[in-house]
Amino acid sequence: MAIFEKIILVSALFSISLSGSPLPIKRSGDLLGILTSKGQAWLEVKEDNGFTHRYLSPWQGGSPTNGGGFEPKMIDQIDDLVVGNRVSLSWYWDGHLRVQKIKVIKPLLKNGVFAGYLLEKGDNWFDARTETGKVPWRFYARWVGGVPEDGGRYDTRKFDFLAEADPNLPIRFSWTYDFRPRINEFIDEGEDEDAFVPFYEGKKLSKPYLSNPSPSAPNFNPFDQTKPAGNPFDTVTPPASNPFDQAKPGGNPFDSVDKPEKPSPPVNPFDSTPPPAPTKNPFDDAVLPGNPFDTLEKPNP
């Protein structure tokens, strides 16, 4: 029964569209994506959801025979854009998809280390999404040799591994930004990019894959385009001081209890009696008799 209801609904919608009452569509919007190509008055953007659409410059005036044409200001802005960059685009619909406003999104830094996963590859570029924010970016090979007339070209030798690359495997590489993001070297899992290497030896980064990539400093990925929120507890205003520090220590609580008065020690009753006078020797007051012989009369010589 549900199948027949779906058939009836689709038939009704199709009939409405044929009867001159088109289904409602979105008339304007904003999007983020990668600028994949451009012309004099148009550009194509691959949205982050994977769909690619072409957007024309706004039209002003009447028909071309009456002086109408593409908006010159937008023509100049499109001419300054560099293909391969991420862009923020505002658009509207007037029978065609039109560019209302466009802005290039540059990485927060000029160089660094990218950790993420492969999405798509071309002849001289590949798309990879960030590991944390899952934002797609396009990286180009470095240009060598000057202008194309003098033999200038993309150095795609580092892209050899992309022929058999597995999108499910993470990759980590160093990059720089000059007009558009460019890849420098793929980083081996066991390689420490912060280790000291003499300038005369250079640095060899060979393996393209990592089993468990972990982006090195800086702590945030500049391609995520979002400032790290940091620790949410850091945003809480710390208390001015420890509330227990503000209270004066009360000391020993038992010290605040009124102490009973200590009774004075009992008085020794013998301490209040004056000591007896020492007993005198009765013989000390008696007059000692003299020599009994001193009383005898001495004979006259």
Protein backbone atom coordinates (compact mmCIF):
# COMPACT_ATOMS: atom_id res chain seq x y z
CA MET A 1 0.00 0.00 0.00
CA ALA A 2 2.86 2.38 0.80
CA ILE A 3 4.33 1.89 -2.68
CA PHE A 4 1.07 3.02 -4.33
CA GLU A 5 0.92 6.07 -2.09
CA LYS A 6 4.46 7.08 -3.16
CA ILE A 7 3.54 6.64 -6.84
CA ILE A 8 0.47 8.84 -6.42
CA LEU A 9 2.52 11.53 -4.62
CA VAL A 10 5.24 11.61 -7.29
CA SER A 11 2.59 11.73 -10.05
CA ALA A 12 0.85 14.64 -8.32
CA LEU A 13 4.09 16.61 -7.98
CA PHE A 14 5.01 15.94 -11.58
CA SER A 15 1.57 17.08 -12.71
CA ILE A 16 1.89 20.30 -10.72
CA SER A 17 5.26 21.09 -12.32
CA LEU A 18 3.80 20.50 -15.82
CA SER A 19 0.77 22.63 -15.11
CA GLY A 20 2.89 25.76 -14.71
CA SER A 21 3.17 25.77 -10.90
CA PRO A 22 6.85 24.94 -10.24
CA LEU A 23 7.87 23.44 -6.93
CA PRO A 24 9.34 25.93 -4.43
CA ILE A 25 13.14 26.13 -4.57
CA LYS A 26 15.74 27.87 -2.46
CA ARG A 27 16.30 31.38 -3.80
CA SER A 28 19.57 32.25 -2.02
CA GLY A 29 22.10 30.85 0.40
CA ASP A 30 25.68 30.64 1.66
CA LEU A 31 28.20 27.86 1.22
CA LEU A 32 31.80 26.85 1.80
CA GLY A 33 33.86 24.96 -0.74
CA ILE A 34 36.88 24.82 -3.06
CA LEU A 35 37.17 27.02 -6.14
CA THR A 36 37.78 24.42 -8.86
CA SER A 37 37.71 26.56 -12.03
CA LYS A 38 36.71 29.97 -13.34
CA GLY A 39 36.12 31.99 -16.48
CA GLN A 40 35.74 35.65 -17.28
CA ALA A 41 32.27 35.96 -15.77
CA TRP A 42 31.71 32.66 -13.95
CA LEU A 43 33.26 30.31 -11.43
CA GLU A 44 32.72 26.77 -10.23
CA VAL A 45 32.81 25.79 -6.56
CA LYS A 46 32.91 22.28 -5.14
CA GLU A 47 30.90 22.45 -1.96
CA ASP A 48 31.97 20.64 1.20
CA ASN A 49 29.17 18.13 0.60
CA GLY A 50 30.85 17.13 -2.69
CA PHE A 51 28.56 18.81 -5.24
CA THR A 52 29.98 21.23 -7.83
CA HIS A 53 27.95 24.12 -9.29
CA ARG A 54 28.68 27.01 -11.64
CA TYR A 55 27.81 30.53 -10.55
CA LEU A 56 27.58 33.50 -12.94
CA SER A 57 28.40 37.11 -12.28
CA PRO A 58 25.34 39.28 -11.59
CA TRP A 59 23.72 40.88 -14.66
CA GLN A 60 22.89 44.55 -14.79
CA GLY A 61 20.93 46.53 -17.32
CA GLY A 62 18.72 45.15 -20.06
CA SER A 63 19.64 43.01 -23.01
CA PRO A 64 23.17 43.19 -24.45
CA THR A 65 21.87 45.25 -27.37
CA ASN A 66 20.56 47.80 -24.85
CA GLY A 67 23.81 48.01 -22.91
CA GLY A 68 23.21 45.22 -20.40
CA GLY A 69 26.06 43.05 -19.24
CA PHE A 70 27.83 41.34 -16.38
CA GLU A 71 28.65 43.47 -13.36
CA PRO A 72 32.17 44.90 -13.90
CA LYS A 73 33.03 44.90 -10.19
CA MET A 74 32.33 41.17 -9.90
CA ILE A 75 34.28 40.51 -13.13
CA ASP A 76 37.36 42.14 -11.57
CA GLN A 77 36.89 40.18 -8.34
CA ILE A 78 36.64 36.86 -10.19
CA ASP A 79 39.78 37.74 -12.14
CA ASP A 80 41.74 38.12 -8.88
CA LEU A 81 40.70 34.74 -7.50
CA VAL A 82 43.23 31.87 -7.51
CA VAL A 83 41.83 28.44 -8.37
CA GLY A 84 42.37 25.82 -5.67
CA ASN A 85 41.63 27.98 -2.66
CA ARG A 86 38.80 27.51 -0.22
CA VAL A 87 36.10 30.16 -0.57
CA SER A 88 33.03 31.41 1.21
CA LEU A 89 30.29 32.23 -1.30
CA SER A 90 26.89 33.89 -1.06
CA TRP A 91 24.58 33.24 -4.02
CA TYR A 92 21.07 33.91 -5.29
CA TRP A 93 18.80 32.55 -8.04
CA ASP A 94 17.23 34.62 -10.82
CA GLY A 95 16.97 31.93 -13.47
CA HIS A 96 20.71 31.34 -13.07
CA LEU A 97 22.92 30.79 -10.05
CA ARG A 98 24.57 34.15 -9.41
CA VAL A 99 27.51 35.19 -7.23
CA GLN A 100 26.47 37.77 -4.70
CA LYS A 101 29.63 37.80 -2.62
CA ILE A 102 32.78 35.65 -2.51
CA LYS A 103 35.76 35.61 -0.18
CA VAL A 104 38.94 33.51 -0.15
CA ILE A 105 39.57 31.54 3.06
CA LYS A 106 43.27 31.29 3.81
CA PRO A 107 44.90 29.03 6.41
CA LEU A 108 45.71 30.70 9.69
CA LEU A 109 49.44 30.05 9.17
CA LYS A 110 51.79 30.21 6.19
CA ASN A 111 53.17 26.72 6.77
CA GLY A 112 52.77 23.72 9.04
CA VAL A 113 51.94 20.02 9.19
CA PHE A 114 48.65 18.64 7.91
CA ALA A 115 47.11 15.44 9.31
CA GLY A 116 44.02 14.02 7.67
CA TYR A 117 42.62 11.69 5.03
CA LEU A 118 42.73 11.60 1.22
CA LEU A 119 39.48 12.46 -0.58
CA GLU A 120 40.20 12.93 -4.30
CA LYS A 121 43.21 13.33 -6.58
CA GLY A 122 43.92 15.06 -9.88
CA ASP A 123 46.93 15.39 -12.16
CA ASN A 124 48.71 18.01 -10.07
CA TRP A 125 46.57 18.29 -6.93
CA PHE A 126 44.72 16.24 -4.35
CA ASP A 127 41.98 16.96 -1.85
CA ALA A 128 42.31 15.95 1.79
CA ARG A 129 40.09 16.57 4.77
CA THR A 130 41.32 17.58 8.18
CA GLU A 131 41.45 14.95 10.88
CA THR A 132 39.45 16.90 13.46
CA GLY A 133 37.21 19.38 11.65
CA LYS A 134 36.78 17.16 8.55
CA VAL A 135 37.15 20.23 6.32
CA PRO A 136 38.34 19.54 2.74
CA TRP A 137 41.35 21.42 1.35
CA ARG A 138 43.11 21.18 -2.01
CA PHE A 139 46.89 20.91 -2.16
CA TYR A 140 48.91 21.50 -5.32
CA ALA A 141 52.33 20.25 -6.29
CA ARG A 142 55.11 22.82 -6.23
CA TRP A 143 55.83 24.76 -9.41
CA VAL A 144 59.36 24.57 -10.83
CA GLY A 145 61.13 25.97 -13.89
CA GLY A 146 59.66 29.45 -14.26
CA VAL A 147 56.89 30.30 -16.72
CA PRO A 148 55.40 27.54 -18.91
CA GLU A 149 57.09 29.01 -22.01
CA ASP A 150 60.45 28.36 -20.33
CA GLY A 151 59.61 24.82 -19.30
CA GLY A 152 57.84 25.61 -16.03
CA ARG A 153 55.69 22.78 -14.70
CA TYR A 154 54.27 21.15 -11.60
CA ASP A 155 56.69 18.83 -9.80
CA THR A 156 54.38 15.84 -9.39
CA ARG A 157 57.01 13.26 -8.46
CA LYS A 158 55.74 13.23 -4.88
CA PHE A 159 52.32 12.20 -6.18
CA ASP A 160 53.41 8.77 -7.38
CA PHE A 161 51.97 7.07 -4.31
CA LEU A 162 48.49 8.51 -5.06
CA ALA A 163 47.99 5.97 -7.85
CA GLU A 164 47.43 3.27 -5.22
CA ALA A 165 46.52 5.41 -2.24
CA ASP A 166 43.78 4.17 0.05
CA PRO A 167 41.37 6.94 1.11
CA ASN A 168 40.89 5.16 4.43
CA LEU A 169 44.56 5.53 5.34
CA PRO A 170 45.61 8.74 7.09
CA ILE A 171 48.35 10.92 5.66
CA ARG A 172 50.59 13.55 7.19
CA PHE A 173 52.70 16.05 5.29
CA SER A 174 54.31 19.45 5.54
CA TRP A 175 52.82 22.30 3.54
CA THR A 176 53.27 25.97 2.67
CA TYR A 177 50.90 28.61 1.37
CA ASP A 178 51.79 30.87 -1.56
CA PHE A 179 48.66 31.93 -3.47
CA ARG A 180 47.29 28.42 -2.80
CA PRO A 181 48.17 25.52 -0.44
CA ARG A 182 51.11 23.43 -1.64
CA ILE A 183 52.59 20.17 -0.43
CA ASN A 184 56.27 19.97 0.55
CA GLU A 185 57.03 16.49 1.85
CA PHE A 186 55.16 13.52 3.21
CA ILE A 187 56.17 12.62 6.75
CA ASP A 188 57.06 9.15 7.89
CA GLU A 189 55.38 7.84 11.04
CA GLY A 190 58.67 7.28 12.84
CA GLU A 191 60.17 10.55 11.71
CA ASP A 192 60.41 13.35 14.23
CA GLU A 193 60.01 16.59 12.32
CA ASP A 194 61.26 18.54 15.31
CA ALA A 195 64.55 16.64 15.50
CA PHE A 196 67.68 18.61 14.68
CA VAL A 197 69.05 18.02 11.17
CA PRO A 198 72.17 19.83 9.90
CA PHE A 199 71.36 22.26 7.12
CA TYR A 200 73.89 20.64 4.81
CA GLU A 201 72.21 17.23 5.07
CA GLY A 202 68.63 18.30 4.58
CA LYS A 203 65.70 16.21 5.68
CA LYS A 204 64.31 13.10 4.06
CA LEU A 205 60.62 12.41 4.44
CA SER A 206 59.79 9.36 2.42
CA LYS A 207 56.78 7.34 3.55
CA PRO A 208 53.39 8.85 2.75
CA TYR A 209 51.32 7.03 5.34
CA LEU A 210 50.83 6.98 9.05
CA SER A 211 49.03 4.41 11.13
CA ASN A 212 47.96 6.90 13.77
CA PRO A 213 48.71 10.49 12.68
CA SER A 214 48.98 13.11 15.34
CA PRO A 215 49.52 16.71 14.21
CA SER A 216 52.54 18.37 15.70
CA ALA A 217 52.79 21.94 16.96
CA PRO A 218 50.88 24.15 16.62
CA ASN A 219 48.30 22.52 18.91
CA PHE A 220 45.41 23.45 16.60
CA ASN A 221 45.08 22.63 12.92
CA PRO A 222 45.23 25.91 10.96
CA PHE A 223 43.08 24.39 8.21
CA ASP A 224 40.11 23.82 10.52
CA GLN A 225 39.44 27.58 10.38
CA THR A 226 38.15 27.52 13.91
CA LYS A 227 39.99 28.95 16.83
CA PRO A 228 40.57 26.38 19.50
CA ALA A 229 38.03 26.75 22.26
CA GLY A 230 40.58 25.68 24.83
CA ASN A 231 39.75 24.15 28.17
CA PRO A 232 36.17 25.20 29.05
CA PHE A 233 37.21 25.49 32.68
CA ASP A 234 39.74 28.19 31.69
CA THR A 235 36.85 30.53 30.82
CA VAL A 236 35.45 30.36 34.34
CA THR A 237 36.62 33.29 36.40
CA PRO A 238 38.68 31.86 39.24
CA PRO A 239 37.68 32.94 42.74
CA ALA A 240 39.61 35.89 44.06
CA SER A 241 41.07 33.76 46.78
CA ASN A 242 40.47 30.65 48.74
CA PRO A 243 37.41 31.41 50.88
CA PHE A 244 39.05 29.46 53.67
CA ASP A 245 42.08 31.73 53.44
CA GLN A 246 39.90 34.80 54.08
CA ALA A 247 38.69 33.51 57.42
CA LYS A 248 41.09 34.03 60.27
CA PRO A 249 42.13 30.77 61.80
CA GLY A 250 40.16 30.19 64.96
CA GLY A 251 42.88 28.19 66.57
CA ASN A 252 42.12 25.33 68.85
CA PRO A 253 38.33 25.41 69.47
CA PHE A 254 38.94 24.17 72.96
CA ASP A 255 40.97 27.30 73.65
CA SER A 256 37.80 29.41 73.34
CA VAL A 257 36.07 27.60 76.21
CA ASP A 258 36.34 29.41 79.53
CA LYS A 259 38.89 27.59 81.55
CA PRO A 260 38.11 26.99 85.22
CA GLU A 261 40.31 28.86 87.60
CA LYS A 262 43.04 26.76 89.00
CA PRO A 263 42.75 26.43 92.82
CA SER A 264 45.69 27.77 94.69
CA PRO A 265 47.82 25.01 96.15
CA PRO A 266 47.15 24.29 99.88
CA VAL A 267 49.40 26.10 102.33
CA ASN A 268 51.72 24.00 104.43
CA PRO A 269 50.71 24.83 108.03
CA PHE A 270 54.23 24.22 109.14
CA ASP A 271 55.46 26.93 106.75
CA SER A 272 53.51 29.60 108.67
CA THR A 273 55.11 28.69 112.09
CA PRO A 274 58.42 30.47 112.69
CA PRO A 275 61.26 28.04 113.05
CA PRO A 276 62.28 27.36 116.66
CA ALA A 277 65.34 29.11 117.96
CA PRO A 278 68.37 26.88 118.17
CA THR A 279 69.01 25.46 121.68
CA LYS A 280 72.12 26.91 123.40
CA ASN A 281 74.74 24.70 124.94
CA PRO A 282 74.52 25.30 128.72
CA PHE A 283 78.18 24.76 129.02
CA ASP A 284 78.85 27.71 126.74
CA ASP A 285 77.67 30.17 129.47
CA ALA A 286 79.52 28.47 132.36
CA VAL A 287 82.81 30.04 133.49
CA LEU A 288 85.59 27.64 133.06
CA PRO A 289 87.73 27.19 136.16
CA GLY A 290 91.29 28.24 135.95
CA ASN A 291 94.39 26.13 136.40
CA PRO A 292 94.25 24.77 139.97
CA PHE A 293 97.91 25.02 140.20
CA ASP A 294 97.75 28.72 139.50
CA THR A 295 96.19 29.18 142.96
CA LEU A 296 99.11 27.64 144.83
CA GLU A 297 101.66 29.97 146.36
CA LYS A 298 104.90 29.86 144.61
CA PRO A 299 107.95 29.36 146.88
CA ASN A 300 110.35 32.18 147.13
CA PRO A 301 113.50 31.39 145.33
